[in-house]
Amino acid sequence: MLETIIGVAGNVLIKILDKFSFQHKGVPRHTLRLVLIPRGAWWHMGSSDGKPAMQIVCEWHVTNVTDIPIVVTTAFVKKPRAEATLPLVRHPRDNVFGSYRIAPKDTTRLALDFWVAPPACNEDETFKATIIVKDQFGNEHKVRSVEFKYR
């Protein structure tokens, strides 16, 4: 009980200090907003190096809320820790995906693909995870409790 209270108090203190901490001029702290595309989170069983693994896929509408171009540099599943193979952002004009910048005040699509080995759940189960997307400034944008349906 005491550990829980201390943990909660510590998290609150960190958030308060974060709000008032020094920030370099011109470096935004909050750059992206992510909204999961309907039916855009799923997983299925596969293999990696001949061993069972689960492929986790999610697609997002991602909005750059700043006045400067933003680059998605990496993304990961928090637990079990798994880094995205390559965050794929839709090209501003064409229907192709790659390492494109997100224009200021623009919304586009972001596709993420992860491999978890060994699998974190059984087939036909829903996998629930926190997804973290990082930008070129090192800002982490978290989306908690994303539900991935088995396909």
Protein backbone atom coordinates (compact mmCIF):
# COMPACT_ATOMS: atom_id res chain seq x y z
CA MET A 1 0.00 0.00 0.00
CA LEU A 2 2.76 2.44 0.97
CA GLU A 3 4.70 1.55 -2.19
CA THR A 4 1.61 2.35 -4.29
CA ILE A 5 1.15 5.73 -2.60
CA ILE A 6 4.84 6.57 -3.04
CA GLY A 7 4.69 5.47 -6.70
CA VAL A 8 1.63 7.61 -7.43
CA ALA A 9 3.10 10.61 -5.58
CA GLY A 10 6.36 10.22 -7.51
CA ASN A 11 4.53 10.13 -10.86
CA VAL A 12 2.57 13.28 -9.94
CA LEU A 13 5.77 15.06 -8.89
CA ILE A 14 7.51 14.11 -12.15
CA LYS A 15 4.58 15.49 -14.18
CA ILE A 16 4.59 18.75 -12.20
CA LEU A 17 8.35 19.18 -12.63
CA ASP A 18 8.04 18.32 -16.32
CA LYS A 19 5.53 21.16 -16.81
CA PHE A 20 7.90 23.72 -15.27
CA SER A 21 11.23 22.32 -16.43
CA PHE A 22 13.56 24.29 -18.68
CA GLN A 23 12.97 23.70 -22.35
CA HIS A 24 15.31 24.83 -25.11
CA LYS A 25 13.81 27.60 -27.18
CA GLY A 26 12.28 26.24 -30.36
CA VAL A 27 12.12 22.61 -29.24
CA PRO A 28 8.47 21.61 -28.84
CA ARG A 29 7.53 19.08 -26.18
CA HIS A 30 4.17 17.89 -27.55
CA THR A 31 4.22 17.40 -31.29
CA LEU A 32 1.90 14.56 -32.29
CA ARG A 33 -1.61 13.32 -31.62
CA LEU A 34 -2.45 9.72 -32.52
CA VAL A 35 -5.88 8.22 -33.19
CA LEU A 36 -6.18 4.52 -33.97
CA ILE A 37 -7.83 3.77 -37.31
CA PRO A 38 -10.96 1.61 -36.79
CA ARG A 39 -10.02 -2.08 -36.97
CA GLY A 40 -6.43 -0.87 -37.31
CA ALA A 41 -4.87 -2.95 -34.53
CA TRP A 42 -4.39 -6.69 -35.02
CA TRP A 43 -1.91 -9.48 -34.55
CA HIS A 44 -1.26 -12.98 -35.82
CA MET A 45 1.14 -15.82 -35.17
CA GLY A 46 4.26 -16.09 -37.26
CA SER A 47 7.89 -17.00 -36.80
CA SER A 48 11.20 -15.25 -36.44
CA ASP A 49 14.41 -17.19 -36.99
CA GLY A 50 12.34 -20.39 -37.07
CA LYS A 51 10.83 -19.77 -33.62
CA PRO A 52 7.21 -18.81 -32.81
CA ALA A 53 6.59 -15.07 -32.73
CA MET A 54 3.64 -12.75 -32.93
CA GLN A 55 3.42 -9.99 -35.51
CA ILE A 56 1.65 -6.92 -34.14
CA VAL A 57 0.34 -4.32 -36.58
CA CYS A 58 -1.39 -0.98 -36.00
CA GLU A 59 -2.43 1.92 -38.21
CA TRP A 60 -3.01 5.46 -36.98
CA HIS A 61 -4.21 8.88 -38.02
CA VAL A 62 -1.32 11.03 -36.79
CA THR A 63 -1.53 14.82 -36.55
CA ASN A 64 1.43 17.18 -36.29
CA VAL A 65 0.18 19.89 -33.89
CA THR A 66 3.28 22.11 -34.34
CA ASP A 67 4.39 24.69 -36.88
CA ILE A 68 7.43 22.64 -37.97
CA PRO A 69 7.79 19.32 -39.84
CA ILE A 70 7.90 16.28 -37.52
CA VAL A 71 9.64 12.97 -38.14
CA VAL A 72 8.57 9.74 -36.46
CA THR A 73 11.94 8.20 -35.59
CA THR A 74 10.89 5.03 -33.80
CA ALA A 75 8.01 3.32 -32.04
CA PHE A 76 7.79 0.48 -29.58
CA VAL A 77 5.49 -1.71 -27.55
CA LYS A 78 6.16 -1.00 -23.89
CA LYS A 79 5.66 -4.53 -22.53
CA PRO A 80 6.91 -6.92 -23.69
CA ARG A 81 9.42 -4.49 -25.15
CA ALA A 82 9.44 -4.63 -28.96
CA GLU A 83 10.66 -1.95 -31.36
CA ALA A 84 8.86 -1.29 -34.64
CA THR A 85 10.62 -2.61 -37.72
CA LEU A 86 10.29 0.82 -39.38
CA PRO A 87 7.62 3.45 -38.71
CA LEU A 88 5.95 4.12 -42.05
CA VAL A 89 4.37 7.52 -42.71
CA ARG A 90 2.17 8.15 -45.76
CA HIS A 91 3.66 10.45 -48.39
CA PRO A 92 2.02 13.92 -48.36
CA ARG A 93 0.60 13.55 -51.89
CA ASP A 94 0.97 9.93 -53.01
CA ASN A 95 -0.36 6.69 -51.54
CA VAL A 96 3.09 5.34 -50.67
CA PHE A 97 4.64 4.92 -47.22
CA GLY A 98 8.18 5.56 -46.01
CA SER A 99 10.23 7.77 -43.67
CA TYR A 100 8.40 10.96 -44.63
CA ARG A 101 8.05 14.10 -42.54
CA ILE A 102 4.63 15.09 -41.27
CA ALA A 103 3.90 18.63 -42.41
CA PRO A 104 2.92 21.29 -39.85
CA LYS A 105 -0.75 21.09 -38.79
CA ASP A 106 -1.25 18.11 -41.12
CA THR A 107 -2.85 14.72 -40.49
CA THR A 108 -1.64 11.61 -42.28
CA ARG A 109 -1.40 7.86 -41.72
CA LEU A 110 1.22 6.00 -39.70
CA ALA A 111 1.72 2.22 -39.96
CA LEU A 112 3.63 0.30 -37.28
CA ASP A 113 4.77 -3.33 -37.36
CA PHE A 114 6.31 -5.19 -34.40
CA TRP A 115 7.58 -8.72 -33.78
CA VAL A 116 7.38 -10.24 -30.30
CA ALA A 117 9.23 -13.48 -29.58
CA PRO A 118 8.24 -15.53 -27.75
CA PRO A 119 4.54 -14.72 -28.22
CA ALA A 120 2.94 -12.78 -25.36
CA CYS A 121 -0.45 -14.49 -25.69
CA ASN A 122 -2.18 -17.42 -27.31
CA GLU A 123 -3.98 -17.50 -30.65
CA ASP A 124 -7.57 -16.18 -30.54
CA GLU A 125 -6.73 -13.96 -27.54
CA THR A 126 -6.78 -10.17 -27.60
CA PHE A 127 -3.37 -8.63 -26.90
CA LYS A 128 -3.39 -5.35 -24.96
CA ALA A 129 -0.39 -3.01 -24.91
CA THR A 130 0.90 0.54 -24.57
CA ILE A 131 2.33 1.92 -27.82
CA ILE A 132 4.96 4.66 -27.69
CA VAL A 133 5.87 6.75 -30.74
CA LYS A 134 9.00 8.96 -30.65
CA ASP A 135 9.74 12.05 -32.72
CA GLN A 136 13.04 13.65 -33.75
CA PHE A 137 13.17 15.60 -30.46
CA GLY A 138 12.95 12.44 -28.37
CA ASN A 139 9.38 13.20 -27.26
CA GLU A 140 7.44 10.06 -26.40
CA HIS A 141 3.76 9.96 -27.36
CA LYS A 142 1.99 7.16 -25.46
CA VAL A 143 -1.27 5.45 -26.27
CA ARG A 144 -2.28 3.11 -23.46
CA SER A 145 -4.44 -0.01 -23.57
CA VAL A 146 -4.45 -0.54 -27.31
CA GLU A 147 -6.35 -3.76 -28.05
CA PHE A 148 -4.99 -5.95 -30.83
CA LYS A 149 -7.46 -8.54 -32.12
CA TYR A 150 -6.21 -11.89 -33.35
CA ARG A 151 -6.51 -12.45 -37.14
